[in-house]
C-alpha atoms as a PDB file:
ATOM      1  CA  MET A   1     138.734 114.846 108.507  1.00  0.00           C
ATOM      2  CA  ASP A   2     135.587 114.584 106.418  1.00  0.00           C
ATOM      3  CA  GLU A   3     135.000 112.262 103.483  1.00  0.00           C
ATOM      4  CA  PHE A   4     135.538 114.956 100.842  1.00  0.00           C
ATOM      5  CA  MET A   5     139.009 115.912 102.066  1.00  0.00           C
ATOM      6  CA  ARG A   6     139.813 112.193 102.231  1.00  0.00           C
ATOM      7  CA  LEU A   7     138.671 111.904  98.603  1.00  0.00           C
ATOM      8  CA  ALA A   8     140.843 114.891  97.617  1.00  0.00           C
ATOM      9  CA  ILE A   9     143.847 113.207  99.261  1.00  0.00           C
ATOM     10  CA  ASP A  10     143.048 109.965  97.418  1.00  0.00           C
ATOM     11  CA  GLU A  11     142.950 111.963  94.169  1.00  0.00           C
ATOM     12  CA  ALA A  12     146.358 113.484  95.005  1.00  0.00           C
ATOM     13  CA  ARG A  13     147.798 110.003  95.560  1.00  0.00           C
ATOM     14  CA  LYS A  14     146.286 108.873  92.250  1.00  0.00           C
ATOM     15  CA  GLY A  15     148.017 111.742  90.465  1.00  0.00           C
ATOM     16  CA  LEU A  16     151.319 110.863  92.105  1.00  0.00           C
ATOM     17  CA  ALA A  17     150.932 107.204  91.083  1.00  0.00           C
ATOM     18  CA  GLU A  18     150.417 108.380  87.480  1.00  0.00           C
ATOM     19  CA  GLY A  19     153.718 110.281  87.610  1.00  0.00           C
ATOM     20  CA  GLY A  20     152.098 113.647  88.199  1.00  0.00           C
ATOM     21  CA  ILE A  21     151.970 116.283  90.889  1.00  0.00           C
ATOM     22  CA  PRO A  22     150.172 115.100  94.058  1.00  0.00           C
ATOM     23  CA  ILE A  23     147.386 117.633  94.384  1.00  0.00           C
ATOM     24  CA  GLY A  24     143.747 116.550  94.583  1.00  0.00           C
ATOM     25  CA  SER A  25     140.390 118.268  94.795  1.00  0.00           C
ATOM     26  CA  ALA A  26     136.705 117.540  95.399  1.00  0.00           C
ATOM     27  CA  LEU A  27     133.542 119.613  95.040  1.00  0.00           C
ATOM     28  CA  ALA A  28     130.561 118.891  97.280  1.00  0.00           C
ATOM     29  CA  ARG A  29     127.144 120.339  97.960  1.00  0.00           C
ATOM     30  CA  GLY A  30     124.868 119.369 100.814  1.00  0.00           C
ATOM     31  CA  GLY A  31     126.910 116.298 101.700  1.00  0.00           C
ATOM     32  CA  LYS A  32     126.890 115.038  98.091  1.00  0.00           C
ATOM     33  CA  LEU A  33     129.931 114.756  95.848  1.00  0.00           C
ATOM     34  CA  LEU A  34     129.600 116.757  92.628  1.00  0.00           C
ATOM     35  CA  GLY A  35     133.020 115.915  91.226  1.00  0.00           C
ATOM     36  CA  SER A  36     136.647 115.247  92.006  1.00  0.00           C
ATOM     37  CA  GLY A  37     139.958 115.438  90.200  1.00  0.00           C
ATOM     38  CA  HIS A  38     143.696 115.749  90.434  1.00  0.00           C
ATOM     39  CA  ASN A  39     146.522 117.689  88.867  1.00  0.00           C
ATOM     40  CA  LYS A  40     147.141 116.254  85.372  1.00  0.00           C
ATOM     41  CA  ARG A  41     149.520 118.856  83.976  1.00  0.00           C
ATOM     42  CA  VAL A  42     152.248 116.274  83.476  1.00  0.00           C
ATOM     43  CA  GLN A  43     150.048 113.375  82.371  1.00  0.00           C
ATOM     44  CA  ASP A  44     148.071 115.419  79.822  1.00  0.00           C
ATOM     45  CA  GLY A  45     150.883 117.793  78.837  1.00  0.00           C
ATOM     46  CA  ASP A  46     148.414 120.597  79.578  1.00  0.00           C
ATOM     47  CA  PRO A  47     149.460 123.499  81.834  1.00  0.00           C
ATOM     48  CA  ILE A  48     145.844 124.308  82.745  1.00  0.00           C
ATOM     49  CA  VAL A  49     144.803 120.955  84.242  1.00  0.00           C
ATOM     50  CA  HIS A  50     145.339 121.792  87.909  1.00  0.00           C
ATOM     51  CA  ALA A  51     143.489 119.651  90.451  1.00  0.00           C
ATOM     52  CA  GLU A  52     140.726 122.183  91.046  1.00  0.00           C
ATOM     53  CA  ILE A  53     140.202 122.716  87.311  1.00  0.00           C
ATOM     54  CA  ASP A  54     140.050 118.951  86.713  1.00  0.00           C
ATOM     55  CA  CYS A  55     137.561 118.675  89.566  1.00  0.00           C
ATOM     56  CA  LEU A  56     135.333 121.413  88.140  1.00  0.00           C
ATOM     57  CA  ARG A  57     135.482 119.827  84.690  1.00  0.00           C
ATOM     58  CA  ASN A  58     134.512 116.467  86.141  1.00  0.00           C
ATOM     59  CA  ALA A  59     131.644 118.031  88.086  1.00  0.00           C
ATOM     60  CA  GLY A  60     130.285 119.500  84.858  1.00  0.00           C
ATOM     61  CA  ARG A  61     127.729 122.262  84.777  1.00  0.00           C
ATOM     62  CA  VAL A  62     126.179 122.385  88.224  1.00  0.00           C
ATOM     63  CA  GLY A  63     124.360 125.697  87.917  1.00  0.00           C
ATOM     64  CA  TYR A  64     124.660 127.611  91.170  1.00  0.00           C
ATOM     65  CA  TYR A  65     127.978 127.123  93.004  1.00  0.00           C
ATOM     66  CA  GLY A  66     127.369 129.431  95.978  1.00  0.00           C
ATOM     67  CA  ASP A  67     126.415 126.577  98.288  1.00  0.00           C
ATOM     68  CA  ALA A  68     129.141 124.215  97.062  1.00  0.00           C
ATOM     69  CA  VAL A  69     132.379 123.604  98.954  1.00  0.00           C
ATOM     70  CA  LEU A  70     135.654 123.105  97.123  1.00  0.00           C
ATOM     71  CA  TYR A  71     138.237 120.908  98.835  1.00  0.00           C
ATOM     72  CA  SER A  72     141.879 120.947  97.784  1.00  0.00           C
ATOM     73  CA  THR A  73     144.914 119.276  99.283  1.00  0.00           C
ATOM     74  CA  LEU A  74     146.926 122.468  98.649  1.00  0.00           C
ATOM     75  CA  MET A  75     146.046 126.170  98.836  1.00  0.00           C
ATOM     76  CA  PRO A  76     144.874 127.173  95.347  1.00  0.00           C
ATOM     77  CA  CYS A  77     147.003 129.232  92.975  1.00  0.00           C
ATOM     78  CA  TYR A  78     145.673 132.282  91.119  1.00  0.00           C
ATOM     79  CA  LEU A  79     144.377 130.155  88.223  1.00  0.00           C
ATOM     80  CA  CYS A  80     142.274 127.996  90.532  1.00  0.00           C
ATOM     81  CA  ALA A  81     141.333 130.828  92.882  1.00  0.00           C
ATOM     82  CA  GLY A  82     140.124 132.731  89.829  1.00  0.00           C
ATOM     83  CA  ALA A  83     137.820 129.829  88.977  1.00  0.00           C
ATOM     84  CA  VAL A  84     136.543 129.824  92.574  1.00  0.00           C
ATOM     85  CA  VAL A  85     135.733 133.523  92.354  1.00  0.00           C
ATOM     86  CA  GLN A  86     134.368 133.297  88.792  1.00  0.00           C
ATOM     87  CA  PHE A  87     131.860 130.589  89.714  1.00  0.00           C
ATOM     88  CA  GLY A  88     130.896 132.091  93.061  1.00  0.00           C
ATOM     89  CA  ILE A  89     132.137 129.254  95.263  1.00  0.00           C
ATOM     90  CA  ARG A  90     131.896 130.676  98.784  1.00  0.00           C
ATOM     91  CA  LYS A  91     133.898 128.128 100.773  1.00  0.00           C
ATOM     92  CA  VAL A  92     137.248 126.443 100.143  1.00  0.00           C
ATOM     93  CA  ILE A  93     138.766 123.899 102.518  1.00  0.00           C
ATOM     94  CA  VAL A  94     142.448 123.128 102.001  1.00  0.00           C
ATOM     95  CA  GLY A  95     144.723 120.451 103.372  1.00  0.00           C
ATOM     96  CA  GLU A  96     147.728 122.734 103.767  1.00  0.00           C
ATOM     97  CA  SER A  97     149.409 125.968 102.733  1.00  0.00           C
ATOM     98  CA  GLU A  98     152.871 125.476 104.210  1.00  0.00           C
ATOM     99  CA  THR A  99     154.531 124.200 101.028  1.00  0.00           C
ATOM    100  CA  PHE A 100     152.695 126.741  98.848  1.00  0.00           C
ATOM    101  CA  PRO A 101     150.902 129.726 100.388  1.00  0.00           C
ATOM    102  CA  GLY A 102     148.687 130.203  97.345  1.00  0.00           C
ATOM    103  CA  THR A 103     146.097 132.941  97.164  1.00  0.00           C
ATOM    104  CA  ARG A 104     144.179 132.969 100.416  1.00  0.00           C
ATOM    105  CA  PRO A 105     144.078 136.802 100.628  1.00  0.00           C
ATOM    106  CA  PHE A 106     142.801 137.019  97.045  1.00  0.00           C
ATOM    107  CA  MET A 107     139.960 134.580  97.684  1.00  0.00           C
ATOM    108  CA  GLU A 108     139.051 136.173 101.015  1.00  0.00           C
ATOM    109  CA  SER A 109     138.999 139.624  99.401  1.00  0.00           C
ATOM    110  CA  HIS A 110     136.283 138.229  97.112  1.00  0.00           C
ATOM    111  CA  GLY A 111     134.154 136.914  99.997  1.00  0.00           C
ATOM    112  CA  VAL A 112     135.374 133.322  99.985  1.00  0.00           C
ATOM    113  CA  GLU A 113     135.696 131.590 103.350  1.00  0.00           C
ATOM    114  CA  VAL A 114     139.016 129.725 103.381  1.00  0.00           C
ATOM    115  CA  ILE A 115     139.711 127.032 105.957  1.00  0.00           C
ATOM    116  CA  ASP A 116     143.249 125.630 106.169  1.00  0.00           C
ATOM    117  CA  LEU A 117     143.272 122.259 107.940  1.00  0.00           C
ATOM    118  CA  ASP A 118     147.115 122.177 108.101  1.00  0.00           C
ATOM    119  CA  LEU A 119     147.151 118.396 107.611  1.00  0.00           C
ATOM    120  CA  ASP A 120     150.447 116.576 108.103  1.00  0.00           C
ATOM    121  CA  GLU A 121     149.459 114.021 105.472  1.00  0.00           C
ATOM    122  CA  CYS A 122     149.069 116.723 102.818  1.00  0.00           C
ATOM    123  CA  LYS A 123     152.319 118.441 103.826  1.00  0.00           C
ATOM    124  CA  LYS A 124     154.237 115.165 103.661  1.00  0.00           C
ATOM    125  CA  LEU A 125     152.885 114.405 100.180  1.00  0.00           C
ATOM    126  CA  MET A 126     154.085 117.782  98.926  1.00  0.00           C
ATOM    127  CA  TYR A 127     157.419 117.921 100.776  1.00  0.00           C
ATOM    128  CA  ASP A 128     158.340 114.441  99.522  1.00  0.00           C
ATOM    129  CA  PHE A 129     157.311 115.336  95.978  1.00  0.00           C
ATOM    130  CA  ILE A 130     159.153 118.680  95.982  1.00  0.00           C
ATOM    131  CA  ALA A 131     162.335 117.061  97.310  1.00  0.00           C
ATOM    132  CA  ALA A 132     162.232 114.393  94.583  1.00  0.00           C
ATOM    133  CA  ASN A 133     161.076 116.694  91.744  1.00  0.00           C
ATOM    134  CA  PRO A 134     162.196 120.297  92.363  1.00  0.00           C
ATOM    135  CA  THR A 135     162.277 121.310  88.687  1.00  0.00           C
ATOM    136  CA  LEU A 136     158.832 119.893  87.988  1.00  0.00           C
ATOM    137  CA  TRP A 137     157.482 121.637  91.088  1.00  0.00           C
ATOM    138  CA  ASN A 138     159.031 124.956  90.037  1.00  0.00           C
ATOM    139  CA  GLU A 139     157.379 124.561  86.637  1.00  0.00           C
ATOM    140  CA  ASP A 140     154.022 123.918  88.300  1.00  0.00           C
ATOM    141  CA  ILE A 141     154.187 127.097  90.389  1.00  0.00           C
ATOM    142  CA  GLY A 142     155.661 129.208  87.582  1.00  0.00           C
ATOM    143  CA  GLU A 143     159.146 129.575  89.035  1.00  0.00           C
ATOM    144  CA  LEU A 144     161.371 127.949  86.411  1.00  0.00           C
ATOM    145  CA  SER A 145     164.452 129.957  85.451  1.00  0.00           C
ATOM    146  CA  GLU A 146     164.894 131.191  81.887  1.00  0.00           C
ATOM    147  CA  GLY A 147     165.968 128.332  79.653  1.00  0.00           C
ATOM    148  CA  GLU A 148     165.148 125.690  82.275  1.00  0.00           C
ATOM    149  CA  THR A 149     162.699 122.942  81.325  1.00  0.00           C
ATOM    150  CA  ALA A 150     161.035 120.297  83.422  1.00  0.00           C
ATOM    151  CA  PRO A 151     161.327 116.633  82.458  1.00  0.00           C
ATOM    152  CA  ALA A 152     158.696 115.238  80.111  1.00  0.00           C
ATOM    153  CA  PHE A 153     156.145 112.663  81.229  1.00  0.00           C
ATOM    154  CA  GLY A 154     156.670 109.036  80.386  1.00  0.00           C
END
């Protein structure tokens, strides 16, 4: 495992320690870290702050993204995959897609190379979280039932 996936996993653990969803991300170019982040939907009360979005925000304006690599502990959803496509990121490396299949076909149909490392460490983080927080997880992936609400942070 390279240093950027390790950093993404560390970000996921940071999010979990903050009471959030354990998904982390890092953006690198030419062996240099541009930014990293983690899912802060719960902590910030903001449905848009997925790990990849937080990572891109923290990286700031980097100009050309075509030679950057986005790392994520979990296969990106449509929101995050849309950002990948929008900014022209050509390579995404994910820790796992077993707990959430995400949007691999969507990204690949837009010319993005997707590499799934199928890491046990990433799967365990998500399986443990989902088992302990099923309603919060269902909110995160947009599968809450009508009238159902996830617990508030704090």
